[in-house]
Amino acid sequence: MSLLNIFFIFLLLFQFHCLPICANAENIQQYYEEAAQAYQAGDYQKAIALYEKVLELEPKFAPAYNALGVIYRNRSENILDSVWYFKEAIEADPNYLEAYDSLGKIYQQVNEPDLAIEYLKKALAINPDYLSAHFTVAWVYLLGKSQPQEAEYHFKKVIETKGLPLAYYGLVLAYSMNKNNAMVLDVVTQLREMGQNEYAAQLEQMIRKPFQPQEAQLVLPPGMPERQPNVLVESTPKPPPAPPSGGEISGYTQIRLRGKLTGIPVEIQPEKKR
């Protein structure tokens, strides 16, 4: 048998071997894009079903787990229903940044600051410039751990890159807790210059005495989630099928299925897979 014939036989066998894999790849992309479209259209049950189909074809596809976690986080009666999905995303891809960030936010909301910091720091270890994680961990240090100096560092990281009024707001509270009145007045003045008079007025009322992170005193600014009681069960089981559909999904920070998050938006919108 000539070398040319051997080559063609090898090529034919390779093509047959590759065919199921290629077909699965096309189906995965199709289901994934259709799921993102259904999600954006508000058809969450359809999105869940399509993401589940993706995972049937590729059980280690981290973006699909992450997308399901986002849906369950916002549609389930228990925010902890989403934990299983985010942890599965990390199991599938240990460098999946968005899943660490999401877990940090969930643990912040259920008043588990140590776990929140653990996961948010893992996100920052992957990308030290990830503003969403800096922003959340700043609030965890401020409200959950009463460590204003740590909070200052992370609020400043957000302000350096994106002049987010809520970051200035948190920075004032951190300065107030440290009794740094000169810096408090300086940042309040900056807020007024930015046209953020509502934040500035609220802060001026609050800082007449040094800020302490107590529920009776603290009035969270618009856009910050209410903390929930400490009801965390670390061994969270996989949640039940499809939560009820309908209504608008909005959230504390954006979860992107692909690409780098460069800002701190407040709308959760999964993107199409490119």
Protein backbone atom coordinates (compact mmCIF):
# COMPACT_ATOMS: atom_id res chain seq x y z
CA MET A 1 0.00 0.00 0.00
CA SER A 2 1.40 3.39 -0.99
CA LEU A 3 2.03 6.17 1.51
CA LEU A 4 -0.61 8.25 -0.28
CA ASN A 5 -3.29 5.58 0.26
CA ILE A 6 -2.33 5.25 3.92
CA PHE A 7 -2.64 9.02 4.30
CA PHE A 8 -6.15 9.09 2.80
CA ILE A 9 -7.31 6.19 5.00
CA PHE A 10 -5.98 7.98 8.08
CA LEU A 11 -7.70 11.21 7.02
CA LEU A 12 -11.02 9.40 6.50
CA LEU A 13 -10.85 7.72 9.91
CA PHE A 14 -9.98 11.03 11.54
CA GLN A 15 -12.98 12.73 9.95
CA PHE A 16 -15.37 10.03 11.15
CA HIS A 17 -13.86 10.19 14.62
CA CYS A 18 -14.24 13.97 14.72
CA LEU A 19 -17.80 14.06 13.41
CA PRO A 20 -19.70 13.56 16.72
CA ILE A 21 -17.46 16.07 18.47
CA CYS A 22 -17.98 18.69 15.75
CA ALA A 23 -21.73 18.07 15.75
CA ASN A 24 -21.85 18.46 19.53
CA ALA A 25 -19.89 21.71 19.29
CA GLU A 26 -22.41 23.11 16.82
CA ASN A 27 -25.34 22.02 19.01
CA ILE A 28 -23.72 23.47 22.12
CA GLN A 29 -23.25 26.82 20.43
CA GLN A 30 -26.79 26.81 19.06
CA TYR A 31 -28.42 25.90 22.41
CA TYR A 32 -26.21 28.36 24.27
CA GLU A 33 -27.08 31.27 21.99
CA GLU A 34 -30.79 30.38 22.03
CA ALA A 35 -30.69 30.23 25.84
CA ALA A 36 -29.12 33.70 26.04
CA GLN A 37 -31.81 35.04 23.68
CA ALA A 38 -34.57 33.44 25.76
CA TYR A 39 -33.07 34.92 28.91
CA GLN A 40 -32.93 38.40 27.41
CA ALA A 41 -36.54 38.01 26.22
CA GLY A 42 -37.67 37.12 29.75
CA ASP A 43 -38.49 33.47 28.99
CA TYR A 44 -36.50 32.05 31.90
CA GLN A 45 -37.96 28.54 31.83
CA LYS A 46 -36.94 28.16 28.19
CA ALA A 47 -33.49 29.53 29.00
CA ILE A 48 -33.08 27.02 31.84
CA ALA A 49 -34.13 24.13 29.59
CA LEU A 50 -31.66 25.16 26.89
CA TYR A 51 -28.77 25.64 29.31
CA GLU A 52 -29.53 22.17 30.68
CA LYS A 53 -29.31 20.80 27.13
CA VAL A 54 -25.88 22.41 26.80
CA LEU A 55 -24.76 20.62 29.96
CA GLU A 56 -26.13 17.29 28.71
CA LEU A 57 -23.80 17.62 25.72
CA GLU A 58 -20.88 19.11 27.64
CA PRO A 59 -21.09 18.56 31.43
CA LYS A 60 -17.98 20.70 32.04
CA PHE A 61 -19.19 23.85 30.27
CA ALA A 62 -18.70 26.48 32.99
CA PRO A 63 -20.61 29.37 31.31
CA ALA A 64 -23.84 27.32 31.27
CA TYR A 65 -23.56 26.57 35.01
CA ASN A 66 -22.85 30.24 35.65
CA ALA A 67 -25.86 31.34 33.59
CA LEU A 68 -28.14 28.95 35.50
CA GLY A 69 -26.74 30.29 38.75
CA VAL A 70 -27.64 33.83 37.69
CA ILE A 71 -31.21 32.79 36.88
CA TYR A 72 -31.73 30.89 40.14
CA ARG A 73 -30.13 33.68 42.15
CA ASN A 74 -32.73 36.12 40.87
CA ARG A 75 -35.77 33.90 40.38
CA SER A 76 -35.67 31.51 43.32
CA GLU A 77 -37.24 32.31 46.69
CA ASN A 78 -33.97 31.26 48.34
CA ILE A 79 -30.87 33.02 47.07
CA LEU A 80 -28.77 30.06 48.16
CA ASP A 81 -30.38 27.88 45.48
CA SER A 82 -27.83 29.30 43.04
CA VAL A 83 -24.75 28.33 45.07
CA TRP A 84 -24.60 24.81 43.65
CA TYR A 85 -24.44 26.12 40.08
CA PHE A 86 -21.69 28.64 40.73
CA LYS A 87 -19.61 26.00 42.52
CA GLU A 88 -20.11 23.63 39.60
CA ALA A 89 -18.88 26.37 37.26
CA ILE A 90 -15.72 26.65 39.35
CA GLU A 91 -15.35 22.85 39.40
CA ALA A 92 -15.56 22.85 35.60
CA ASP A 93 -13.17 25.80 35.24
CA PRO A 94 -11.15 26.84 38.33
CA ASN A 95 -10.33 30.15 36.64
CA TYR A 96 -13.94 31.09 35.94
CA LEU A 97 -13.81 34.55 37.46
CA GLU A 98 -17.50 35.45 37.38
CA ALA A 99 -18.52 32.45 39.49
CA TYR A 100 -16.17 33.45 42.33
CA ASP A 101 -17.53 36.99 42.15
CA SER A 102 -21.13 35.74 42.26
CA LEU A 103 -20.47 33.52 45.26
CA GLY A 104 -18.87 36.44 47.08
CA LYS A 105 -21.98 38.54 46.54
CA ILE A 106 -24.30 35.77 47.70
CA TYR A 107 -22.35 35.22 50.91
CA GLN A 108 -22.31 38.97 51.51
CA GLN A 109 -26.09 39.05 51.20
CA VAL A 110 -26.61 36.19 53.66
CA ASN A 111 -24.26 37.87 56.15
CA GLU A 112 -21.32 35.48 55.84
CA PRO A 113 -18.48 38.02 55.46
CA ASP A 114 -15.59 35.58 55.81
CA LEU A 115 -16.85 33.35 52.99
CA ALA A 116 -17.65 36.43 50.90
CA ILE A 117 -14.11 37.74 51.27
CA GLU A 118 -12.65 34.30 50.53
CA TYR A 119 -14.37 34.02 47.16
CA LEU A 120 -13.95 37.68 46.21
CA LYS A 121 -10.22 37.48 46.89
CA LYS A 122 -10.03 34.42 44.66
CA ALA A 123 -11.65 36.49 41.92
CA LEU A 124 -9.09 39.25 42.48
CA ALA A 125 -6.26 36.72 42.43
CA ILE A 126 -7.36 35.79 38.90
CA ASN A 127 -7.81 39.42 37.84
CA PRO A 128 -6.51 42.12 40.24
CA ASP A 129 -8.37 44.80 38.23
CA TYR A 130 -11.81 43.20 38.48
CA LEU A 131 -13.84 46.19 39.70
CA SER A 132 -16.99 44.25 40.58
CA ALA A 133 -15.07 42.20 43.17
CA HIS A 134 -13.27 45.29 44.54
CA PHE A 135 -16.61 47.05 44.97
CA THR A 136 -18.31 44.18 46.80
CA VAL A 137 -15.36 43.29 49.02
CA ALA A 138 -15.12 46.95 50.07
CA TRP A 139 -18.69 46.84 51.38
CA VAL A 140 -18.03 43.49 53.07
CA TYR A 141 -15.03 44.91 54.92
CA LEU A 142 -17.00 48.01 55.87
CA LEU A 143 -20.34 46.51 56.93
CA GLY A 144 -19.52 42.89 57.66
CA LYS A 145 -16.07 43.13 59.23
CA SER A 146 -15.89 46.75 60.50
CA GLN A 147 -12.46 47.13 58.88
CA PRO A 148 -12.59 50.60 57.31
CA GLN A 149 -8.95 50.72 56.23
CA GLU A 150 -9.37 47.59 54.11
CA ALA A 151 -12.60 49.04 52.73
CA GLU A 152 -10.85 52.31 51.83
CA TYR A 153 -8.31 50.48 49.68
CA HIS A 154 -10.94 48.70 47.60
CA PHE A 155 -13.25 51.72 47.25
CA LYS A 156 -10.27 53.73 45.97
CA LYS A 157 -9.48 51.02 43.40
CA VAL A 158 -12.99 51.43 42.00
CA ILE A 159 -12.83 55.23 42.06
CA GLU A 160 -9.46 55.27 40.29
CA THR A 161 -10.89 53.40 37.31
CA LYS A 162 -14.57 54.33 37.39
CA GLY A 163 -15.92 57.30 39.33
CA LEU A 164 -18.87 55.39 40.74
CA PRO A 165 -20.88 57.55 43.19
CA LEU A 166 -21.60 54.53 45.42
CA ALA A 167 -17.85 54.00 45.81
CA TYR A 168 -17.45 57.60 46.97
CA TYR A 169 -20.39 57.02 49.31
CA GLY A 170 -18.72 53.98 50.85
CA LEU A 171 -15.38 55.76 51.09
CA VAL A 172 -16.97 58.55 53.14
CA LEU A 173 -18.40 55.97 55.54
CA ALA A 174 -14.98 54.35 55.88
CA TYR A 175 -13.32 57.72 56.58
CA SER A 176 -16.04 58.53 59.09
CA MET A 177 -15.50 55.24 60.93
CA ASN A 178 -11.81 56.13 61.15
CA LYS A 179 -12.75 59.65 62.37
CA ASN A 180 -10.91 61.17 59.42
CA ASN A 181 -13.15 64.25 59.25
CA ALA A 182 -10.97 66.19 56.81
CA MET A 183 -11.22 63.46 54.18
CA VAL A 184 -14.94 63.05 54.87
CA LEU A 185 -15.59 66.69 53.97
CA ASP A 186 -13.33 66.45 50.95
CA VAL A 187 -15.19 63.47 49.45
CA VAL A 188 -18.64 64.96 50.24
CA THR A 189 -17.53 68.08 48.37
CA GLN A 190 -16.47 65.90 45.43
CA LEU A 191 -19.91 64.27 45.40
CA ARG A 192 -21.58 67.67 45.25
CA GLU A 193 -19.29 68.70 42.40
CA MET A 194 -20.36 65.53 40.57
CA GLY A 195 -24.00 66.57 40.98
CA GLN A 196 -24.67 63.76 43.49
CA ASN A 197 -26.48 66.04 45.93
CA GLU A 198 -28.76 63.31 47.30
CA TYR A 199 -25.82 61.17 48.36
CA ALA A 200 -23.99 64.19 49.75
CA ALA A 201 -26.99 65.32 51.81
CA GLN A 202 -27.59 61.83 53.19
CA LEU A 203 -23.93 61.52 54.17
CA GLU A 204 -23.87 64.92 55.84
CA GLN A 205 -26.75 63.78 58.04
CA MET A 206 -25.12 60.47 58.87
CA ILE A 207 -21.61 61.75 59.67
CA ARG A 208 -22.57 64.17 62.40
CA LYS A 209 -21.25 61.40 64.61
CA PRO A 210 -18.63 58.81 63.55
CA PHE A 211 -20.21 56.14 61.40
CA GLN A 212 -20.63 52.68 62.90
CA PRO A 213 -21.99 49.80 60.80
CA GLN A 214 -25.08 49.10 62.87
CA GLU A 215 -28.43 48.28 61.32
CA ALA A 216 -30.24 50.95 63.35
CA GLN A 217 -27.97 53.70 62.07
CA LEU A 218 -27.14 52.52 58.57
CA VAL A 219 -29.31 53.54 55.62
CA LEU A 220 -28.00 51.76 52.56
CA PRO A 221 -27.87 53.88 49.40
CA PRO A 222 -29.97 53.00 46.35
CA GLY A 223 -28.60 49.97 44.51
CA MET A 224 -27.22 48.16 47.55
CA PRO A 225 -28.86 44.81 48.42
CA GLU A 226 -30.39 44.26 51.82
CA ARG A 227 -28.45 41.76 53.87
CA GLN A 228 -30.35 38.65 54.81
CA PRO A 229 -30.26 36.69 58.08
CA ASN A 230 -27.49 34.19 58.62
CA VAL A 231 -29.20 31.11 57.17
CA LEU A 232 -26.27 29.70 55.24
CA VAL A 233 -26.08 25.97 54.77
CA GLU A 234 -22.66 25.24 53.27
CA SER A 235 -23.70 21.88 51.81
CA THR A 236 -26.36 23.44 49.59
CA PRO A 237 -28.07 20.76 47.45
CA LYS A 238 -28.87 21.23 43.78
CA PRO A 239 -32.06 23.28 43.55
CA PRO A 240 -35.31 21.93 42.12
CA PRO A 241 -36.18 22.34 38.43
CA ALA A 242 -37.12 25.67 36.82
CA PRO A 243 -38.24 28.50 39.09
CA PRO A 244 -41.37 30.44 38.10
CA SER A 245 -40.89 32.62 35.04
CA GLY A 246 -41.95 36.18 34.38
CA GLY A 247 -40.93 39.57 35.69
CA GLU A 248 -37.77 41.52 35.23
CA ILE A 249 -34.43 40.22 36.35
CA SER A 250 -32.14 42.88 37.70
CA GLY A 251 -29.28 42.60 40.09
CA TYR A 252 -26.48 44.06 42.10
CA THR A 253 -23.79 43.52 39.50
CA GLN A 254 -23.44 42.19 36.01
CA ILE A 255 -22.43 38.62 35.28
CA ARG A 256 -20.78 38.17 31.92
CA LEU A 257 -20.53 34.72 30.44
CA ARG A 258 -17.53 35.64 28.35
CA GLY A 259 -15.04 38.47 28.34
CA LYS A 260 -13.76 40.87 30.95
CA LEU A 261 -16.04 42.99 33.11
CA THR A 262 -14.65 46.51 33.04
CA GLY A 263 -17.33 48.40 34.92
CA ILE A 264 -19.91 47.95 37.63
CA PRO A 265 -23.32 47.97 35.94
CA VAL A 266 -26.48 47.11 37.83
CA GLU A 267 -28.27 45.04 35.21
CA ILE A 268 -27.61 41.33 34.82
CA GLN A 269 -27.57 40.46 31.14
CA PRO A 270 -25.83 37.31 29.92
CA GLU A 271 -24.10 37.76 26.59
CA LYS A 272 -24.09 35.59 23.54
CA LYS A 273 -21.23 33.20 23.18
CA ARG A 274 -18.96 34.52 20.47
